[in-house]
Structures are given as C-alpha cells and as structure tokens.
Amino acid sequence: MPAAAFEVNNNRLLASLPMQDSERWRSCLEAVALVTGQVLHEARHAARFAYFPIGAVVSMQLPSNDGACDEVALVGHEGMVGISTFMGSVSYLRAVVQRPGPALRMNADRMRAEAESSTAVLRLLLQYVATWEAHIALGVVCNRHHNLQQRLALRLLLGMDRQQDSRLAITHEQLAVLLGVRRESVTEEARRLQNAGLIRYARGRIAVLDPTALAQRSCSCLSLLTGGWQHSEPGDNPATVPTFHASHTQPHREHNGDPDAARAW
C-alpha cells in the first residue's frame, strides 16, 4: 500500500526530502513489515529495494572468508538500507533485520530514476552516503582502539537510539558475533554492567536502565553515532553538517525513565 504522510515523516531521511519531491515519493513508497532475521540484501548482490525503517532496525554486516559476519553499522529510523539502488552498483554488505517493525521501501529502478530526475534528491542522498561511510570508518577505528566494555556499551546505546526503545531483543551470542569476540567475554562485561545497575538482561533481552551512566562507560564515538541524520542546505557550514546529535542521555519516553518499566518485558 502507498505510504501515508505520517509514515514518511517517521523516517528522518524521508522527512528531509524537498517539499516538491515528498508528495511524489509517497506514491512510490510501499509500507512493509520486516521480521527478525530477514535478509534485505546479500553482499555482492544488487539490492532490489531501498528500505527506510520506521520502527525496524537493520544490521549491516561484512561477511568474511570464514563465514563470519562483522557488524559495521546499524540503520534505524534515521536512514536507509540499499544505498546501491541509486548508486548503480552492488553492495558489499549484508543487510539483516535485527528488530522487527515497519518500514517503507522503493524498488531499485524507481530509486535510480528519482536520483537522476531531481538534483535536490540526489544531493540529499549523497550527503547521507557521505555521513554513513564516515560512520563505518569510525567503527573501524573504534574496534581497534577501544576496549570491549566501551564497545559493548556503545552497541547497546546505538541499538537503543536506532529503535527509540530501551529494551533490546538480542542475546549475548549475537552480541559476541557482532563485536567479534567470545560469548563468554560479552557475558562477563554484561554482568559488570548489570551489577552496576546500568542494564538488566534475561532470556535474550537486555534493558538499558541508566543510559546516562552507560554512556560514561562507552567511548567518544558515541556522540558521533547517535541521534539523527541532519540534512544540510547549500551555504550551510560544512564543518557542522551532515552530523549526528547525541540523544542517548535522555531515557526514551516509552518508560519515562522508570527502571521498573524497563524490566517489564
């Protein structure tokens, strides 16, 4: 079914579309429900659709020769999956749904046509790509220079930011694979965070109880990776846009900062 205006506005990238293009895009976008584990596109394959998550969260993973997949980025309501659809190339990343939820999608042919027909749309998409690639590079630096507790705290806060919910459906095993470490190491660090009252975990779920304190256990990458993608216009200061503004220090409204509510899974 065609996308409603409120659905388009719930994705920050789509909400940044120029007014003259937004109405046309709504007629081209299809509302879909994504499920956990769904593969939106495989690495080294052409993506058939571009996806714009609203409530879903998608893990972007880089497969290795031994079959493992390292997570390089998370995409939620701030962005899109399927950059290759308008770049005319294949993706080297695998896109897997981590949190189920609604999304909007557009087929690859239409995405290419939209990018070619509107300079403003193409500028918007290229700004997003530039920011997204910078975040992937930052992730490489983070993995090399920051310890496991910092990276675990960062990953939990990123998940919370992308889905706008402090309850994360993820296991220690999944976190270990995504972080490239042993499950036992994740469990040990998670236990320390739980004993400090920062998180609570059980049965494949983790609740962030104190995002402000958890942010203090994270690394400096957090402020660059959380919040929302911000569109810039010609003439804006290039040193400040596009950027991500941190939003992790405030509990999300679902729980109103109440730890007991976060425990109620």
Protein backbone atom coordinates (compact mmCIF):
# COMPACT_ATOMS: atom_id res chain seq x y z
CA MET A 1 0.00 0.00 0.00
CA PRO A 2 1.20 3.58 -0.62
CA ALA A 3 2.94 5.33 2.25
CA ALA A 4 0.95 7.76 4.36
CA ALA A 5 2.39 11.18 5.15
CA PHE A 6 2.88 10.36 8.84
CA GLU A 7 4.87 7.24 7.93
CA VAL A 8 7.21 9.22 5.69
CA ASN A 9 7.78 11.77 8.44
CA ASN A 10 8.72 8.99 10.88
CA ASN A 11 11.91 8.33 8.91
CA ARG A 12 14.33 11.23 9.26
CA LEU A 13 15.89 10.86 5.84
CA LEU A 14 12.50 10.82 4.13
CA ALA A 15 11.34 13.72 6.28
CA SER A 16 14.26 15.73 4.85
CA LEU A 17 13.02 15.37 1.27
CA PRO A 18 12.36 18.67 -0.50
CA MET A 19 8.68 19.58 -0.33
CA GLN A 20 8.26 19.40 -4.09
CA ASP A 21 9.55 15.81 -4.10
CA SER A 22 7.92 14.48 -0.93
CA GLU A 23 4.41 14.05 -2.37
CA ARG A 24 5.72 12.15 -5.38
CA TRP A 25 7.78 9.86 -3.17
CA ARG A 26 4.76 8.95 -1.03
CA SER A 27 3.06 7.49 -4.08
CA CYS A 28 6.16 5.40 -4.86
CA LEU A 29 6.86 4.04 -1.37
CA GLU A 30 5.33 0.81 -0.15
CA ALA A 31 4.66 0.08 3.52
CA VAL A 32 6.06 -3.31 4.61
CA ALA A 33 6.59 -5.21 7.86
CA LEU A 34 10.12 -6.51 8.45
CA VAL A 35 10.75 -9.59 10.59
CA THR A 36 13.77 -10.58 12.67
CA GLY A 37 16.41 -12.39 10.65
CA GLN A 38 15.02 -11.27 7.30
CA VAL A 39 17.82 -10.66 4.79
CA LEU A 40 17.08 -7.49 2.83
CA HIS A 41 20.03 -7.99 0.52
CA GLU A 42 23.10 -10.20 0.38
CA ALA A 43 26.67 -9.00 -0.02
CA ARG A 44 27.93 -8.70 -3.61
CA HIS A 45 24.37 -8.76 -4.93
CA ALA A 46 22.30 -5.94 -6.38
CA ALA A 47 19.61 -4.78 -3.95
CA ARG A 48 16.09 -4.99 -5.37
CA PHE A 49 14.67 -2.40 -2.97
CA ALA A 50 15.72 0.55 -0.86
CA TYR A 51 14.29 0.33 2.67
CA PHE A 52 13.54 3.22 5.00
CA PRO A 53 12.98 1.82 8.52
CA ILE A 54 10.35 3.37 10.76
CA GLY A 55 10.32 1.00 13.72
CA ALA A 56 12.62 -1.74 12.45
CA VAL A 57 16.40 -1.84 12.94
CA VAL A 58 18.74 -3.37 10.35
CA SER A 59 22.25 -4.69 10.97
CA MET A 60 24.71 -4.03 8.15
CA GLN A 61 27.30 -6.80 8.14
CA LEU A 62 30.54 -7.50 6.29
CA PRO A 63 30.99 -11.24 5.56
CA SER A 64 34.46 -12.73 5.90
CA ASN A 65 36.02 -15.71 4.15
CA ASP A 66 35.43 -17.96 7.17
CA GLY A 67 31.68 -17.34 7.06
CA ALA A 68 31.53 -14.90 9.97
CA CYS A 69 29.77 -11.55 9.61
CA ASP A 70 31.09 -8.49 11.43
CA GLU A 71 28.60 -5.71 12.03
CA VAL A 72 29.76 -2.39 10.61
CA ALA A 73 26.64 -0.25 11.06
CA LEU A 74 23.09 -0.14 12.39
CA VAL A 75 20.30 1.53 10.44
CA GLY A 76 17.04 2.62 12.02
CA HIS A 77 14.55 5.44 11.66
CA GLU A 78 17.33 7.89 10.81
CA GLY A 79 18.34 6.42 7.46
CA MET A 80 18.03 3.88 4.68
CA VAL A 81 19.18 0.42 3.59
CA GLY A 82 20.06 -0.17 -0.05
CA ILE A 83 22.35 2.69 -0.99
CA SER A 84 23.45 0.69 -4.03
CA THR A 85 19.98 1.07 -5.57
CA PHE A 86 20.68 4.61 -6.71
CA MET A 87 24.47 4.31 -6.98
CA GLY A 88 24.19 1.74 -9.78
CA SER A 89 26.40 -0.80 -8.03
CA VAL A 90 26.26 -3.88 -5.84
CA SER A 91 26.57 -3.75 -2.07
CA TYR A 92 29.50 -5.34 -0.28
CA LEU A 93 27.43 -5.58 2.90
CA ARG A 94 24.72 -7.97 4.04
CA ALA A 95 21.58 -6.35 5.45
CA VAL A 96 19.79 -8.37 8.16
CA VAL A 97 16.77 -7.25 10.17
CA GLN A 98 17.65 -7.25 13.86
CA ARG A 99 14.49 -5.71 15.29
CA PRO A 100 11.14 -6.33 13.58
CA GLY A 101 8.93 -3.44 12.68
CA PRO A 102 7.51 -1.29 9.90
CA ALA A 103 9.48 0.19 7.04
CA LEU A 104 8.87 1.85 3.70
CA ARG A 105 10.51 0.59 0.54
CA MET A 106 11.01 1.67 -3.07
CA ASN A 107 12.14 -0.56 -5.91
CA ALA A 108 15.63 -0.06 -7.28
CA ASP A 109 14.57 1.16 -10.73
CA ARG A 110 12.42 3.90 -9.24
CA MET A 111 15.19 4.92 -6.82
CA ARG A 112 17.60 5.39 -9.71
CA ALA A 113 15.00 7.38 -11.63
CA GLU A 114 14.34 9.63 -8.62
CA ALA A 115 18.05 10.28 -8.08
CA GLU A 116 18.52 11.13 -11.75
CA SER A 117 15.47 13.39 -12.05
CA SER A 118 16.00 15.67 -9.04
CA THR A 119 19.23 17.44 -8.17
CA ALA A 120 17.91 18.17 -4.68
CA VAL A 121 17.10 14.50 -4.05
CA LEU A 122 20.50 13.38 -5.35
CA ARG A 123 22.25 15.92 -3.10
CA LEU A 124 20.28 14.66 -0.11
CA LEU A 125 21.13 11.02 -0.83
CA LEU A 126 24.81 11.74 -1.42
CA GLN A 127 25.03 13.67 1.85
CA TYR A 128 23.58 10.66 3.63
CA VAL A 129 26.04 8.32 1.90
CA ALA A 130 28.99 10.52 2.89
CA THR A 131 27.90 10.56 6.53
CA TRP A 132 27.19 6.83 6.56
CA GLU A 133 30.60 5.98 5.10
CA ALA A 134 32.28 8.20 7.69
CA HIS A 135 30.47 6.25 10.41
CA ILE A 136 31.71 2.95 9.03
CA ALA A 137 35.27 4.28 9.07
CA LEU A 138 34.76 5.46 12.64
CA GLY A 139 33.62 1.95 13.56
CA VAL A 140 36.90 0.51 12.26
CA VAL A 141 38.85 2.92 14.44
CA CYS A 142 36.62 2.12 17.42
CA ASN A 143 37.17 -1.63 17.08
CA ARG A 144 40.92 -1.12 17.01
CA HIS A 145 41.37 1.37 19.84
CA HIS A 146 38.55 0.85 22.36
CA ASN A 147 38.10 -1.96 24.86
CA LEU A 148 35.23 -4.43 24.94
CA GLN A 149 33.24 -2.73 27.70
CA GLN A 150 33.34 0.55 25.78
CA ARG A 151 32.26 -1.15 22.57
CA LEU A 152 29.52 -3.16 24.29
CA ALA A 153 28.13 -0.02 25.92
CA LEU A 154 28.30 1.74 22.56
CA ARG A 155 26.48 -1.11 20.79
CA LEU A 156 23.67 -1.17 23.36
CA LEU A 157 23.21 2.59 23.17
CA LEU A 158 23.25 2.53 19.38
CA GLY A 159 20.54 -0.12 19.39
CA MET A 160 18.51 1.95 21.83
CA ASP A 161 18.95 5.06 19.69
CA ARG A 162 18.07 3.40 16.39
CA GLN A 163 14.87 1.79 17.67
CA GLN A 164 13.89 4.52 20.18
CA ASP A 165 13.31 1.90 22.86
CA SER A 166 15.48 0.91 25.81
CA ARG A 167 14.51 -2.78 25.55
CA LEU A 168 16.74 -4.70 23.16
CA ALA A 169 15.93 -8.19 21.88
CA ILE A 170 19.46 -9.57 21.49
CA THR A 171 21.44 -12.43 23.02
CA HIS A 172 24.99 -12.50 24.34
CA GLU A 173 25.85 -14.87 21.50
CA GLN A 174 24.56 -12.40 18.91
CA LEU A 175 26.46 -9.55 20.53
CA ALA A 176 29.63 -11.63 20.56
CA VAL A 177 29.33 -12.34 16.83
CA LEU A 178 28.63 -8.69 16.04
CA LEU A 179 31.52 -7.47 18.21
CA GLY A 180 33.91 -10.17 17.01
CA VAL A 181 34.66 -11.62 20.46
CA ARG A 182 33.87 -14.74 22.51
CA ARG A 183 30.42 -15.06 24.08
CA GLU A 184 32.00 -15.54 27.50
CA SER A 185 33.69 -12.15 27.19
CA VAL A 186 30.38 -10.44 26.43
CA THR A 187 28.70 -12.21 29.35
CA GLU A 188 31.45 -11.09 31.72
CA GLU A 189 31.19 -7.45 30.66
CA ALA A 190 27.39 -7.53 30.67
CA ARG A 191 27.46 -8.90 34.21
CA ARG A 192 29.63 -5.98 35.31
CA LEU A 193 27.21 -3.51 33.74
CA GLN A 194 24.25 -5.26 35.36
CA ASN A 195 25.92 -5.30 38.78
CA ALA A 196 26.46 -1.56 38.40
CA GLY A 197 22.73 -1.10 37.78
CA LEU A 198 23.18 0.12 34.20
CA ILE A 199 21.45 -2.73 32.36
CA ARG A 200 19.33 -5.78 33.10
CA TYR A 201 19.40 -8.91 30.97
CA ALA A 202 17.41 -12.14 30.82
CA ARG A 203 16.19 -14.61 28.19
CA GLY A 204 17.69 -12.94 25.16
CA ARG A 205 16.65 -9.43 26.14
CA ILE A 206 18.64 -6.52 27.51
CA ALA A 207 17.09 -3.42 29.07
CA VAL A 208 19.10 -0.23 29.40
CA LEU A 209 18.23 1.13 32.86
CA ASP A 210 20.57 4.11 33.04
CA PRO A 211 21.59 5.41 29.60
CA THR A 212 23.46 8.39 31.02
CA ALA A 213 25.72 6.22 33.18
CA LEU A 214 26.08 3.67 30.39
CA ALA A 215 27.23 6.46 28.06
CA GLN A 216 30.01 7.22 30.53
CA ARG A 217 31.22 3.61 30.14
CA SER A 218 31.18 3.98 26.35
CA CYS A 219 33.72 5.73 24.14
CA SER A 220 33.97 9.06 22.37
CA CYS A 221 32.43 7.53 19.24
CA LEU A 222 29.00 7.66 20.86
CA SER A 223 28.29 11.34 20.29
CA LEU A 224 29.12 10.95 16.59
CA LEU A 225 26.99 7.87 16.01
CA THR A 226 23.77 8.50 17.92
CA GLY A 227 20.85 10.81 17.38
CA GLY A 228 19.61 11.53 13.89
CA TRP A 229 20.91 12.36 10.47
CA GLN A 230 20.69 16.08 9.78
CA HIS A 231 20.19 17.38 6.24
CA SER A 232 22.17 20.43 5.15
CA GLU A 233 21.40 23.02 2.52
CA PRO A 234 23.78 24.85 0.16
CA GLY A 235 25.57 27.53 2.14
CA ASP A 236 25.45 25.65 5.45
CA ASN A 237 28.69 25.34 7.41
CA PRO A 238 30.38 22.16 6.06
CA ALA A 239 32.15 21.68 9.39
CA THR A 240 28.86 21.02 11.15
CA VAL A 241 26.68 19.16 8.63
CA PRO A 242 25.72 16.49 7.96
CA THR A 243 26.06 15.25 11.52
CA PHE A 244 24.50 13.20 14.27
CA HIS A 245 23.42 14.81 17.52
CA ALA A 246 23.58 12.71 20.68
CA SER A 247 20.25 11.74 22.18
CA HIS A 248 21.40 8.94 24.46
CA THR A 249 21.43 10.90 27.69
CA GLN A 250 17.64 11.02 27.99
CA PRO A 251 15.55 7.92 28.69
CA HIS A 252 13.12 7.17 25.87
CA ARG A 253 9.53 8.10 26.50
CA GLU A 254 8.23 4.53 26.44
CA HIS A 255 9.45 4.09 30.02
CA ASN A 256 9.62 7.69 31.21
CA GLY A 257 12.97 6.91 32.81
CA ASP A 258 11.40 4.33 35.12
CA PRO A 259 13.73 1.33 35.60
CA ASP A 260 10.80 -0.82 36.75
CA ALA A 261 9.05 -0.22 33.45
CA ALA A 262 12.17 -1.26 31.59
CA ARG A 263 12.17 -4.54 33.50
CA ALA A 264 8.59 -5.31 32.48
CA TRP A 265 9.22 -7.30 29.31
